[in-house]
Amino acid sequence: MLDFEEQVIGSKEIYSGKFIKLKLEEVILPGGEKKQREIVEHPGSIAALPVTKDGKFIFIKQYRSAVKETIWEIPAGKLELGEDPLTGLFREMKEEIGATGGKCCKLCQFYPSPGVLNEQVHLYLYWGFELGEPEPEDGENIKIVKVSQLKARKMIQTGEIKDAKSIIAVHMAIENRMS
């Protein structure tokens, strides 16, 4: 059996921001070769696919600087240090779409880009909530849009929805008839 573990022999913090850190690690591969790894440390995040009483999915549209475009995505946000994912879920739903109360079930958790990023996304299905006024964070510019399940699938097929967490959530919800 192959041993895949790498041994970290050095680590240097290159950048420490508001919620991410960039580290440069020196590792020894199982065969003895030395390599460098660039690692982005992230506190983790939550995301949820809200489903309305009439079965529509709620998405948000917002501009994302990293990809230089306005994208469709499900409501999501980073976890505070040590925050329980369910606490984060209800906080983010209130902030981004104005939802309170409701029920949820966990669909999965995953690493969006494990080659460089240690972020874990906790992904939920969310329903039975009441909609009120969103309370966006400073600097957030969000448009809330309700979409039928069929339209959401078509938007994924045509590339209109490109966000990985949103694609995973829609497929899991429809496939498992959880909505």
Protein backbone atom coordinates (compact mmCIF):
# COMPACT_ATOMS: atom_id res chain seq x y z
CA MET A 1 0.00 0.00 0.00
CA LEU A 2 1.27 3.45 -0.88
CA ASP A 3 1.84 6.05 1.80
CA PHE A 4 0.54 9.40 0.56
CA GLU A 5 1.25 11.53 3.62
CA GLU A 6 3.67 14.42 3.26
CA GLN A 7 5.85 15.45 6.18
CA VAL A 8 5.90 19.19 6.88
CA ILE A 9 9.43 20.27 7.75
CA GLY A 10 8.92 24.03 7.65
CA SER A 11 6.13 26.56 7.56
CA LYS A 12 6.19 30.31 7.04
CA GLU A 13 3.20 32.66 7.22
CA ILE A 14 3.36 35.00 4.23
CA TYR A 15 0.11 36.89 4.72
CA SER A 16 -2.51 37.21 7.45
CA GLY A 17 -5.72 39.00 6.49
CA LYS A 18 -9.11 39.59 8.00
CA PHE A 19 -10.05 35.89 7.78
CA ILE A 20 -7.53 34.06 5.58
CA LYS A 21 -3.85 33.28 5.96
CA LEU A 22 -1.36 32.31 3.28
CA LYS A 23 1.41 29.93 4.29
CA LEU A 24 4.38 28.51 2.45
CA GLU A 25 5.17 25.00 3.64
CA GLU A 26 8.20 22.90 2.88
CA VAL A 27 7.35 19.19 2.76
CA ILE A 28 9.05 15.88 2.20
CA LEU A 29 7.16 13.58 -0.15
CA PRO A 30 6.86 9.84 0.61
CA GLY A 31 9.75 9.17 -1.80
CA GLY A 32 12.02 11.63 0.03
CA GLU A 33 11.81 14.55 -2.43
CA LYS A 34 11.39 18.07 -0.98
CA LYS A 35 8.69 20.38 -2.33
CA GLN A 36 7.01 23.65 -1.41
CA ARG A 37 3.25 24.00 -0.91
CA GLU A 38 1.28 27.23 -0.94
CA ILE A 39 -1.63 26.89 1.51
CA VAL A 40 -4.57 29.23 2.05
CA GLU A 41 -6.07 28.78 5.52
CA HIS A 42 -9.78 29.57 5.83
CA PRO A 43 -12.11 29.23 8.88
CA GLY A 44 -14.72 27.29 6.88
CA SER A 45 -18.11 28.29 5.56
CA ILE A 46 -21.76 27.41 5.37
CA ALA A 47 -24.09 27.47 2.41
CA ALA A 48 -27.76 26.62 2.04
CA LEU A 49 -30.24 26.11 -0.74
CA PRO A 50 -33.41 27.82 0.50
CA VAL A 51 -36.64 26.28 -0.82
CA THR A 52 -39.84 28.36 -0.69
CA LYS A 53 -43.27 26.95 0.21
CA ASP A 54 -44.11 26.73 -3.50
CA GLY A 55 -40.92 24.74 -4.23
CA LYS A 56 -38.78 27.49 -5.76
CA PHE A 57 -35.09 27.86 -5.00
CA ILE A 58 -33.73 31.15 -3.72
CA PHE A 59 -30.49 32.35 -5.26
CA ILE A 60 -28.57 35.55 -4.86
CA LYS A 61 -26.76 37.45 -7.56
CA GLN A 62 -23.65 39.39 -6.65
CA TYR A 63 -20.44 40.62 -8.17
CA ARG A 64 -17.39 38.57 -7.21
CA SER A 65 -14.07 40.36 -7.54
CA ALA A 66 -12.04 37.15 -7.72
CA VAL A 67 -13.73 36.09 -10.98
CA LYS A 68 -14.60 39.61 -12.19
CA GLU A 69 -18.27 38.89 -12.88
CA THR A 70 -21.72 38.87 -11.36
CA ILE A 71 -22.65 35.30 -10.50
CA TRP A 72 -25.66 33.33 -9.32
CA GLU A 73 -25.15 31.46 -6.07
CA ILE A 74 -26.97 30.15 -3.05
CA PRO A 75 -26.69 32.16 0.19
CA ALA A 76 -23.43 31.42 1.97
CA GLY A 77 -20.85 32.89 4.28
CA LYS A 78 -17.77 32.23 6.29
CA LEU A 79 -17.91 30.77 9.77
CA GLU A 80 -16.64 32.80 12.67
CA LEU A 81 -13.74 31.19 14.52
CA GLY A 82 -15.17 28.22 16.48
CA GLU A 83 -18.75 28.91 15.33
CA ASP A 84 -21.15 25.98 15.02
CA PRO A 85 -22.23 25.54 11.37
CA LEU A 86 -25.95 25.66 12.27
CA THR A 87 -25.49 28.94 14.11
CA GLY A 88 -23.66 30.30 11.08
CA LEU A 89 -26.38 29.02 8.77
CA PHE A 90 -29.20 30.88 10.52
CA ARG A 91 -27.06 34.05 10.81
CA GLU A 92 -26.26 34.02 7.09
CA MET A 93 -29.84 33.31 6.01
CA LYS A 94 -31.02 36.36 7.99
CA GLU A 95 -28.23 38.56 6.61
CA GLU A 96 -28.45 37.57 2.96
CA ILE A 97 -32.12 36.83 2.26
CA GLY A 98 -33.94 38.02 5.41
CA ALA A 99 -35.03 34.49 6.38
CA THR A 100 -35.82 33.57 9.98
CA GLY A 101 -36.88 30.32 11.58
CA GLY A 102 -37.26 27.30 9.40
CA LYS A 103 -35.70 23.86 9.24
CA CYS A 104 -32.63 22.47 7.57
CA CYS A 105 -30.87 19.24 6.83
CA LYS A 106 -27.23 18.78 5.99
CA LEU A 107 -26.61 17.69 2.42
CA CYS A 108 -22.83 17.25 2.71
CA GLN A 109 -19.59 18.97 3.50
CA PHE A 110 -16.75 19.30 1.03
CA TYR A 111 -13.43 20.95 0.21
CA PRO A 112 -13.94 23.34 -2.75
CA SER A 113 -10.27 23.47 -3.79
CA PRO A 114 -8.13 21.15 -1.62
CA GLY A 115 -4.98 21.63 -3.70
CA VAL A 116 -4.40 25.04 -2.12
CA LEU A 117 -7.28 25.79 0.28
CA ASN A 118 -8.23 24.09 3.58
CA GLU A 119 -11.78 25.56 3.64
CA GLN A 120 -14.62 23.15 4.39
CA VAL A 121 -18.07 24.08 3.13
CA HIS A 122 -21.03 22.80 5.19
CA LEU A 123 -23.92 22.53 2.73
CA TYR A 124 -27.58 22.47 3.78
CA LEU A 125 -31.10 22.38 2.40
CA TYR A 126 -33.27 25.03 4.13
CA TRP A 127 -37.09 25.34 4.16
CA GLY A 128 -40.08 26.46 6.25
CA PHE A 129 -38.65 29.92 6.92
CA GLU A 130 -40.31 33.34 6.99
CA LEU A 131 -38.90 36.01 4.69
CA GLY A 132 -38.31 39.50 6.00
CA GLU A 133 -35.78 42.22 5.29
CA PRO A 134 -32.20 41.11 4.60
CA GLU A 135 -29.43 42.56 6.76
CA PRO A 136 -26.41 42.48 4.43
CA GLU A 137 -22.92 43.03 5.75
CA ASP A 138 -21.21 46.30 4.95
CA GLY A 139 -20.09 46.18 1.32
CA GLU A 140 -22.46 43.38 0.26
CA ASN A 141 -24.58 44.20 -2.77
CA ILE A 142 -27.00 41.30 -3.29
CA LYS A 143 -30.06 40.72 -5.46
CA ILE A 144 -32.42 37.94 -4.31
CA VAL A 145 -34.01 35.84 -7.06
CA LYS A 146 -36.50 32.93 -6.83
CA VAL A 147 -36.09 30.29 -9.52
CA SER A 148 -38.05 27.13 -10.34
CA GLN A 149 -36.23 23.83 -9.96
CA LEU A 150 -36.44 23.23 -13.71
CA LYS A 151 -34.99 26.66 -14.50
CA ALA A 152 -32.16 26.12 -11.98
CA ARG A 153 -31.21 22.86 -13.73
CA LYS A 154 -31.25 24.58 -17.13
CA MET A 155 -29.14 27.45 -15.78
CA ILE A 156 -26.53 24.93 -14.65
CA GLN A 157 -26.58 23.16 -18.03
CA THR A 158 -26.14 26.42 -19.94
CA GLY A 159 -23.36 27.68 -17.66
CA GLU A 160 -25.38 30.54 -16.24
CA ILE A 161 -24.85 29.08 -12.75
CA LYS A 162 -21.11 28.39 -12.35
CA ASP A 163 -20.72 28.36 -8.57
CA ALA A 164 -19.73 24.88 -7.34
CA LYS A 165 -21.63 24.92 -4.02
CA SER A 166 -24.79 26.00 -5.83
CA ILE A 167 -24.45 23.30 -8.48
CA ILE A 168 -23.88 20.62 -5.84
CA ALA A 169 -26.85 21.80 -3.76
CA VAL A 170 -29.29 21.91 -6.68
CA HIS A 171 -28.28 18.47 -7.95
CA MET A 172 -28.42 16.91 -4.47
CA ALA A 173 -31.80 18.47 -3.67
CA ILE A 174 -33.40 17.39 -6.93
CA GLU A 175 -31.74 13.96 -7.03
CA ASN A 176 -32.77 13.12 -3.48
CA ARG A 177 -36.21 14.74 -3.79
CA MET A 178 -35.42 16.70 -0.63
CA SER A 179 -37.03 19.89 -1.84
